[in-house]
N, C-alpha and C. Protein backbone atom coordinates (compact mmCIF):
# COMPACT_ATOMS: atom_id res chain seq x y z
N UNK A 1 -15.22 8.77 6.28
CA UNK A 1 -13.84 8.56 6.67
C UNK A 1 -12.96 9.60 5.98
N UNK A 2 -11.89 9.92 6.64
CA UNK A 2 -10.90 10.79 6.03
C UNK A 2 -10.05 9.96 5.07
N UNK A 3 -9.25 10.64 4.25
CA UNK A 3 -8.36 9.94 3.32
C UNK A 3 -7.42 9.01 4.08
N UNK A 4 -6.89 9.47 5.22
CA UNK A 4 -5.98 8.66 6.02
C UNK A 4 -6.69 7.42 6.58
N UNK A 5 -7.96 7.57 6.99
CA UNK A 5 -8.72 6.43 7.50
C UNK A 5 -9.01 5.43 6.40
N UNK A 6 -9.26 5.90 5.19
CA UNK A 6 -9.47 5.00 4.06
C UNK A 6 -8.21 4.17 3.82
N UNK A 7 -7.06 4.82 3.82
CA UNK A 7 -5.79 4.11 3.60
C UNK A 7 -5.57 3.08 4.71
N UNK A 8 -5.81 3.46 5.94
CA UNK A 8 -5.55 2.57 7.08
C UNK A 8 -6.53 1.41 7.17
N UNK A 9 -7.78 1.63 6.79
CA UNK A 9 -8.81 0.62 7.03
C UNK A 9 -9.32 -0.08 5.77
N UNK A 10 -9.62 0.66 4.74
CA UNK A 10 -10.19 0.04 3.54
C UNK A 10 -9.09 -0.55 2.67
N UNK A 11 -7.94 0.10 2.63
CA UNK A 11 -6.84 -0.39 1.82
C UNK A 11 -6.22 -1.67 2.34
N UNK A 12 -6.51 -2.03 3.58
CA UNK A 12 -5.97 -3.26 4.16
C UNK A 12 -6.86 -4.43 3.77
N UNK A 13 -6.28 -5.50 3.30
CA UNK A 13 -7.06 -6.66 2.89
C UNK A 13 -7.66 -7.38 4.08
N UNK A 14 -6.93 -7.49 5.18
CA UNK A 14 -7.43 -8.27 6.30
C UNK A 14 -7.24 -7.52 7.61
N UNK A 15 -8.07 -6.53 7.84
CA UNK A 15 -8.00 -5.79 9.11
C UNK A 15 -9.42 -5.56 9.57
N UNK A 16 -9.79 -6.19 10.66
CA UNK A 16 -11.16 -6.02 11.15
C UNK A 16 -11.28 -4.87 12.13
N UNK A 17 -10.19 -4.55 12.85
CA UNK A 17 -10.24 -3.48 13.83
C UNK A 17 -10.93 -3.88 15.13
N UNK A 18 -11.24 -5.16 15.29
CA UNK A 18 -11.97 -5.61 16.47
C UNK A 18 -11.20 -5.35 17.76
N UNK A 19 -9.91 -5.58 17.75
CA UNK A 19 -9.10 -5.37 18.94
C UNK A 19 -9.11 -3.90 19.36
N UNK A 20 -8.90 -3.01 18.39
CA UNK A 20 -8.90 -1.57 18.69
C UNK A 20 -10.27 -1.12 19.17
N UNK A 21 -11.33 -1.64 18.56
CA UNK A 21 -12.69 -1.28 18.97
C UNK A 21 -12.96 -1.70 20.41
N UNK A 22 -12.56 -2.91 20.74
CA UNK A 22 -12.78 -3.40 22.11
C UNK A 22 -12.04 -2.53 23.12
N UNK A 23 -10.82 -2.13 22.80
CA UNK A 23 -10.05 -1.27 23.70
C UNK A 23 -10.74 0.08 23.88
N UNK A 24 -11.25 0.66 22.79
CA UNK A 24 -11.93 1.95 22.88
C UNK A 24 -13.17 1.86 23.76
N UNK A 25 -13.91 0.77 23.65
CA UNK A 25 -15.12 0.60 24.46
C UNK A 25 -14.75 0.47 25.93
N UNK A 26 -13.74 -0.35 26.23
CA UNK A 26 -13.34 -0.57 27.62
C UNK A 26 -12.74 0.67 28.26
N UNK A 27 -12.07 1.51 27.47
CA UNK A 27 -11.41 2.70 28.01
C UNK A 27 -12.31 3.93 28.01
N UNK A 28 -13.46 3.86 27.39
CA UNK A 28 -14.34 5.02 27.26
C UNK A 28 -14.90 5.44 28.61
N UNK A 29 -14.91 6.75 28.88
CA UNK A 29 -15.48 7.22 30.14
C UNK A 29 -16.99 7.00 30.17
N UNK A 30 -17.61 6.97 29.03
CA UNK A 30 -19.05 6.75 28.93
C UNK A 30 -19.30 5.51 28.09
N UNK A 31 -20.18 4.65 28.54
CA UNK A 31 -20.50 3.45 27.77
C UNK A 31 -21.46 3.75 26.61
N UNK A 32 -21.95 4.99 26.52
CA UNK A 32 -22.87 5.37 25.46
C UNK A 32 -22.07 5.91 24.28
N UNK A 33 -21.47 4.99 23.49
CA UNK A 33 -20.59 5.37 22.39
C UNK A 33 -21.17 5.04 21.03
N UNK A 34 -22.48 4.90 20.91
CA UNK A 34 -23.07 4.44 19.66
C UNK A 34 -22.61 5.28 18.47
N UNK A 35 -22.59 6.60 18.60
CA UNK A 35 -22.17 7.43 17.48
C UNK A 35 -20.70 7.20 17.12
N UNK A 36 -19.88 6.83 18.09
CA UNK A 36 -18.47 6.56 17.81
C UNK A 36 -18.27 5.20 17.15
N UNK A 37 -19.26 4.33 17.20
CA UNK A 37 -19.11 2.99 16.65
C UNK A 37 -19.41 2.93 15.16
N UNK A 38 -20.08 3.94 14.63
CA UNK A 38 -20.43 3.93 13.21
C UNK A 38 -19.16 3.86 12.39
N UNK A 39 -19.09 2.92 11.48
CA UNK A 39 -17.94 2.77 10.61
C UNK A 39 -16.77 2.04 11.23
N UNK A 40 -16.93 1.47 12.42
CA UNK A 40 -15.82 0.83 13.09
C UNK A 40 -15.72 -0.67 12.82
N UNK A 41 -16.68 -1.24 12.17
CA UNK A 41 -16.67 -2.67 11.92
C UNK A 41 -16.06 -2.98 10.57
N UNK A 42 -15.45 -4.13 10.43
CA UNK A 42 -14.85 -4.53 9.17
C UNK A 42 -15.89 -4.49 8.05
N UNK A 43 -15.55 -3.85 6.95
CA UNK A 43 -16.51 -3.65 5.88
C UNK A 43 -16.47 -4.80 4.89
N UNK A 44 -15.33 -5.41 4.71
CA UNK A 44 -15.21 -6.56 3.82
C UNK A 44 -15.30 -6.21 2.35
N UNK A 45 -14.69 -5.11 1.94
CA UNK A 45 -14.76 -4.71 0.54
C UNK A 45 -14.15 -5.76 -0.38
N UNK A 46 -13.09 -6.42 0.07
CA UNK A 46 -12.45 -7.37 -0.82
C UNK A 46 -13.33 -8.58 -1.09
N UNK A 47 -14.28 -8.89 -0.22
CA UNK A 47 -15.20 -10.00 -0.51
C UNK A 47 -16.15 -9.65 -1.65
N UNK A 48 -16.33 -8.38 -1.94
CA UNK A 48 -17.21 -7.98 -3.05
C UNK A 48 -16.67 -8.45 -4.39
N UNK A 49 -15.38 -8.72 -4.47
CA UNK A 49 -14.79 -9.14 -5.74
C UNK A 49 -15.12 -10.59 -6.08
N UNK A 50 -15.84 -11.27 -5.20
CA UNK A 50 -16.34 -12.60 -5.52
C UNK A 50 -17.46 -12.48 -6.55
N UNK A 51 -18.13 -11.33 -6.60
CA UNK A 51 -19.26 -11.14 -7.51
C UNK A 51 -19.09 -9.95 -8.44
N UNK A 52 -18.05 -9.16 -8.26
CA UNK A 52 -17.85 -7.98 -9.10
C UNK A 52 -16.39 -7.89 -9.53
N UNK A 53 -16.16 -7.26 -10.66
CA UNK A 53 -14.79 -7.12 -11.15
C UNK A 53 -14.14 -5.82 -10.68
N UNK A 54 -14.95 -4.89 -10.16
CA UNK A 54 -14.44 -3.61 -9.70
C UNK A 54 -15.29 -3.13 -8.52
N UNK A 55 -14.62 -2.53 -7.53
CA UNK A 55 -15.34 -1.98 -6.38
C UNK A 55 -14.93 -0.53 -6.16
N UNK A 56 -15.86 0.24 -5.64
CA UNK A 56 -15.57 1.66 -5.37
C UNK A 56 -16.25 2.08 -4.08
N UNK A 57 -15.62 3.01 -3.40
CA UNK A 57 -16.15 3.59 -2.17
C UNK A 57 -15.94 5.10 -2.28
N UNK A 58 -16.99 5.86 -2.02
CA UNK A 58 -16.89 7.32 -1.97
C UNK A 58 -17.28 7.72 -0.56
N UNK A 59 -16.42 8.46 0.13
CA UNK A 59 -16.65 8.77 1.53
C UNK A 59 -16.17 10.16 1.89
N UNK A 60 -16.82 10.73 2.90
CA UNK A 60 -16.43 12.02 3.44
C UNK A 60 -16.59 11.97 4.95
N UNK A 61 -15.58 12.37 5.67
CA UNK A 61 -15.65 12.38 7.12
C UNK A 61 -16.59 13.49 7.58
N UNK A 62 -17.40 13.21 8.58
CA UNK A 62 -18.33 14.19 9.12
C UNK A 62 -17.59 15.46 9.51
N UNK A 63 -18.13 16.60 9.08
CA UNK A 63 -17.54 17.88 9.42
C UNK A 63 -16.46 18.34 8.48
N UNK A 64 -16.06 17.52 7.52
CA UNK A 64 -15.03 17.90 6.56
C UNK A 64 -15.65 18.06 5.18
N UNK A 65 -14.97 18.78 4.30
CA UNK A 65 -15.49 18.99 2.95
C UNK A 65 -14.80 18.10 1.91
N UNK A 66 -13.66 17.54 2.25
CA UNK A 66 -12.91 16.69 1.31
C UNK A 66 -13.59 15.33 1.16
N UNK A 67 -13.80 14.93 -0.09
CA UNK A 67 -14.41 13.64 -0.41
C UNK A 67 -13.34 12.75 -1.04
N UNK A 68 -13.25 11.51 -0.60
CA UNK A 68 -12.26 10.57 -1.10
C UNK A 68 -12.95 9.43 -1.84
N UNK A 69 -12.39 9.05 -2.97
CA UNK A 69 -12.89 7.89 -3.73
C UNK A 69 -11.81 6.83 -3.74
N UNK A 70 -12.18 5.62 -3.34
CA UNK A 70 -11.31 4.45 -3.31
C UNK A 70 -11.82 3.50 -4.38
N UNK A 71 -10.94 3.01 -5.25
CA UNK A 71 -11.33 2.06 -6.30
C UNK A 71 -10.31 0.93 -6.38
N UNK A 72 -10.82 -0.27 -6.65
CA UNK A 72 -9.93 -1.42 -6.78
C UNK A 72 -10.57 -2.48 -7.67
N UNK A 73 -9.72 -3.29 -8.27
CA UNK A 73 -10.19 -4.45 -9.03
C UNK A 73 -9.96 -5.73 -8.23
N UNK A 74 -9.56 -5.59 -6.98
CA UNK A 74 -9.38 -6.74 -6.11
C UNK A 74 -8.06 -7.45 -6.27
N UNK A 75 -7.12 -6.81 -6.95
CA UNK A 75 -5.82 -7.44 -7.20
C UNK A 75 -4.79 -7.10 -6.12
N UNK A 76 -5.25 -6.46 -5.04
CA UNK A 76 -4.34 -6.07 -3.96
C UNK A 76 -3.90 -4.63 -4.05
N UNK A 77 -4.19 -3.97 -5.16
CA UNK A 77 -3.86 -2.56 -5.34
C UNK A 77 -5.15 -1.75 -5.37
N UNK A 78 -5.02 -0.47 -5.11
CA UNK A 78 -6.19 0.41 -5.18
C UNK A 78 -5.75 1.79 -5.60
N UNK A 79 -6.71 2.60 -6.03
CA UNK A 79 -6.45 3.97 -6.45
C UNK A 79 -7.30 4.90 -5.59
N UNK A 80 -6.67 5.93 -5.06
CA UNK A 80 -7.37 6.96 -4.30
C UNK A 80 -7.41 8.24 -5.13
N UNK A 81 -8.56 8.90 -5.12
CA UNK A 81 -8.68 10.18 -5.80
C UNK A 81 -9.68 11.05 -5.05
N UNK A 82 -9.65 12.34 -5.35
CA UNK A 82 -10.63 13.25 -4.78
C UNK A 82 -11.91 13.09 -5.57
N UNK A 83 -13.04 13.34 -4.92
CA UNK A 83 -14.34 13.21 -5.56
C UNK A 83 -15.23 14.38 -5.15
N UNK A 84 -16.33 14.52 -5.87
CA UNK A 84 -17.32 15.57 -5.54
C UNK A 84 -18.37 15.03 -4.61
């Protein structure tokens, strides 16, 4: 994911993206969208805080060189930084 996608999707406590995903599938010229579906489902990072005191995600969008690190303690706030 790009930094903007991390902010829009991972930083949100309760966003599954199911509605947007359904629209993309219905509007797609080709029903063979498997590669476009990767990463489109709710990840549920905030549920990880039921068993951990800190969570982290390191991600890079395909074709880009910028790596983003997302970290949170589950208190509703998070920190974004560049990563290797």
